[in-house]
């Protein structure tokens, strides 16, 4: 079983994850439904990473 979950996404994607998984309680319910995952770390402050476009305009 995973120790941690990390997500790489766009800012819009991370906003949706924060809303749907954390604010709406979906991830907490998932962990209750599957007790084997109770210790899995997935914290929106530390495990969500934004991908940005670093390309320079030519």
N, C-alpha and C. Protein backbone atom coordinates (compact mmCIF):
# COMPACT_ATOMS: atom_id res chain seq x y z
N UNK A 1 0.83 -1.17 0.00
CA UNK A 1 0.00 0.00 0.00
C UNK A 1 0.89 1.25 0.00
N UNK A 2 0.44 2.29 -0.65
CA UNK A 2 1.26 3.51 -0.70
C UNK A 2 1.31 4.20 0.67
N UNK A 3 2.47 4.82 0.95
CA UNK A 3 2.61 5.61 2.17
C UNK A 3 2.07 7.02 1.96
N UNK A 4 2.21 7.52 0.73
CA UNK A 4 1.79 8.88 0.40
C UNK A 4 1.21 8.92 -1.00
N UNK A 5 0.37 9.92 -1.23
CA UNK A 5 -0.14 10.19 -2.57
C UNK A 5 0.27 11.62 -2.91
N UNK A 6 0.87 11.80 -4.08
CA UNK A 6 1.22 13.13 -4.59
C UNK A 6 0.52 13.31 -5.93
N UNK A 7 0.09 14.54 -6.20
CA UNK A 7 -0.58 14.85 -7.46
C UNK A 7 0.15 16.00 -8.12
N UNK A 8 0.47 15.83 -9.40
CA UNK A 8 1.01 16.90 -10.25
C UNK A 8 -0.10 17.29 -11.21
N UNK A 9 -0.44 18.57 -11.25
CA UNK A 9 -1.53 19.00 -12.12
C UNK A 9 -1.42 20.49 -12.37
N UNK A 10 -2.30 20.98 -13.22
CA UNK A 10 -2.41 22.42 -13.44
C UNK A 10 -3.08 23.04 -12.21
N UNK A 11 -3.02 24.36 -12.11
CA UNK A 11 -3.67 25.04 -10.99
C UNK A 11 -5.17 24.76 -10.98
N UNK A 12 -5.79 24.77 -12.16
CA UNK A 12 -7.22 24.46 -12.23
C UNK A 12 -7.52 23.05 -11.74
N UNK A 13 -6.70 22.10 -12.14
CA UNK A 13 -6.88 20.72 -11.70
C UNK A 13 -6.74 20.58 -10.20
N UNK A 14 -5.74 21.26 -9.63
CA UNK A 14 -5.55 21.19 -8.18
C UNK A 14 -6.70 21.84 -7.43
N UNK A 15 -7.24 22.92 -7.98
CA UNK A 15 -8.41 23.55 -7.35
C UNK A 15 -9.59 22.58 -7.30
N UNK A 16 -9.78 21.83 -8.38
CA UNK A 16 -10.87 20.84 -8.41
C UNK A 16 -10.62 19.73 -7.40
N UNK A 17 -9.38 19.28 -7.30
CA UNK A 17 -9.04 18.23 -6.33
C UNK A 17 -9.30 18.72 -4.91
N UNK A 18 -8.85 19.94 -4.60
CA UNK A 18 -9.08 20.49 -3.25
C UNK A 18 -10.58 20.51 -2.93
N UNK A 19 -11.36 20.97 -3.88
CA UNK A 19 -12.81 21.08 -3.67
C UNK A 19 -13.46 19.71 -3.54
N UNK A 20 -13.21 18.85 -4.50
CA UNK A 20 -13.94 17.58 -4.56
C UNK A 20 -13.44 16.56 -3.54
N UNK A 21 -12.14 16.43 -3.40
CA UNK A 21 -11.61 15.39 -2.50
C UNK A 21 -11.54 15.83 -1.05
N UNK A 22 -11.18 17.09 -0.82
CA UNK A 22 -10.97 17.52 0.56
C UNK A 22 -12.15 18.31 1.13
N UNK A 23 -12.59 19.36 0.46
CA UNK A 23 -13.70 20.16 0.99
C UNK A 23 -15.00 19.36 1.03
N UNK A 24 -15.24 18.56 0.02
CA UNK A 24 -16.46 17.74 -0.02
C UNK A 24 -16.33 16.44 0.78
N UNK A 25 -15.13 16.14 1.31
CA UNK A 25 -14.94 14.99 2.17
C UNK A 25 -14.81 13.65 1.47
N UNK A 26 -14.60 13.65 0.16
CA UNK A 26 -14.54 12.40 -0.59
C UNK A 26 -13.33 11.55 -0.18
N UNK A 27 -12.17 12.17 0.00
CA UNK A 27 -10.99 11.38 0.36
C UNK A 27 -11.14 10.79 1.76
N UNK A 28 -11.68 11.54 2.70
CA UNK A 28 -11.90 11.03 4.05
C UNK A 28 -12.85 9.84 4.02
N UNK A 29 -13.90 9.92 3.22
CA UNK A 29 -14.84 8.81 3.10
C UNK A 29 -14.18 7.59 2.46
N UNK A 30 -13.34 7.83 1.46
CA UNK A 30 -12.61 6.74 0.80
C UNK A 30 -11.74 5.99 1.81
N UNK A 31 -11.06 6.74 2.68
CA UNK A 31 -10.22 6.10 3.70
C UNK A 31 -11.06 5.34 4.72
N UNK A 32 -12.25 5.83 5.03
CA UNK A 32 -13.14 5.09 5.93
C UNK A 32 -13.64 3.81 5.27
N UNK A 33 -13.92 3.89 3.97
CA UNK A 33 -14.40 2.71 3.24
C UNK A 33 -13.32 1.65 3.08
N UNK A 34 -12.07 2.08 3.02
CA UNK A 34 -10.93 1.17 2.83
C UNK A 34 -9.93 1.40 3.96
N UNK A 35 -10.16 0.82 5.13
CA UNK A 35 -9.33 1.06 6.31
C UNK A 35 -7.84 0.77 6.10
N UNK A 36 -7.52 -0.09 5.15
CA UNK A 36 -6.11 -0.38 4.89
C UNK A 36 -5.35 0.88 4.45
N UNK A 37 -6.08 1.87 3.95
CA UNK A 37 -5.47 3.12 3.48
C UNK A 37 -5.47 4.22 4.54
N UNK A 38 -5.93 3.92 5.74
CA UNK A 38 -6.09 4.93 6.78
C UNK A 38 -4.80 5.71 7.06
N UNK A 39 -3.65 5.06 6.97
CA UNK A 39 -2.38 5.73 7.26
C UNK A 39 -1.76 6.43 6.05
N UNK A 40 -2.38 6.32 4.89
CA UNK A 40 -1.85 6.95 3.68
C UNK A 40 -1.93 8.46 3.80
N UNK A 41 -0.80 9.12 3.60
CA UNK A 41 -0.74 10.58 3.70
C UNK A 41 -1.11 11.22 2.36
N UNK A 42 -2.04 12.14 2.42
CA UNK A 42 -2.44 12.91 1.25
C UNK A 42 -3.01 14.21 1.76
N UNK A 43 -2.13 15.18 1.92
CA UNK A 43 -2.46 16.46 2.53
C UNK A 43 -2.42 17.54 1.45
N UNK A 44 -3.48 18.33 1.30
CA UNK A 44 -3.49 19.33 0.24
C UNK A 44 -2.37 20.37 0.37
N UNK A 45 -1.87 20.58 1.55
CA UNK A 45 -0.80 21.58 1.74
C UNK A 45 0.56 21.05 1.29
N UNK A 46 0.75 19.74 1.34
CA UNK A 46 2.08 19.18 1.06
C UNK A 46 2.15 18.21 -0.11
N UNK A 47 1.02 17.74 -0.58
CA UNK A 47 1.04 16.67 -1.58
C UNK A 47 0.43 17.03 -2.92
N UNK A 48 0.06 18.29 -3.09
CA UNK A 48 -0.46 18.76 -4.38
C UNK A 48 0.57 19.71 -4.98
N UNK A 49 0.99 19.44 -6.20
CA UNK A 49 2.06 20.19 -6.84
C UNK A 49 1.58 20.72 -8.19
N UNK A 50 1.75 22.03 -8.39
CA UNK A 50 1.28 22.66 -9.62
C UNK A 50 2.35 22.56 -10.70
N UNK A 51 1.92 22.30 -11.91
CA UNK A 51 2.79 22.29 -13.08
C UNK A 51 2.60 23.63 -13.78
N UNK A 52 3.70 24.30 -14.05
CA UNK A 52 3.61 25.59 -14.75
C UNK A 52 4.35 25.51 -16.07
N UNK A 53 3.98 26.36 -16.99
CA UNK A 53 4.62 26.44 -18.29
C UNK A 53 5.84 27.34 -18.18
N UNK A 54 7.00 26.77 -18.34
CA UNK A 54 8.25 27.52 -18.20
C UNK A 54 8.81 27.96 -19.55
N UNK A 55 8.05 27.76 -20.62
CA UNK A 55 8.54 28.12 -21.96
C UNK A 55 8.66 29.64 -22.09
N UNK A 56 9.68 30.06 -22.78
CA UNK A 56 9.91 31.48 -23.02
C UNK A 56 9.39 31.83 -24.42
N UNK A 57 8.68 32.92 -24.53
CA UNK A 57 8.19 33.36 -25.84
C UNK A 57 9.37 33.75 -26.72
N UNK A 58 9.35 33.31 -27.95
CA UNK A 58 10.43 33.63 -28.89
C UNK A 58 10.04 34.76 -29.80
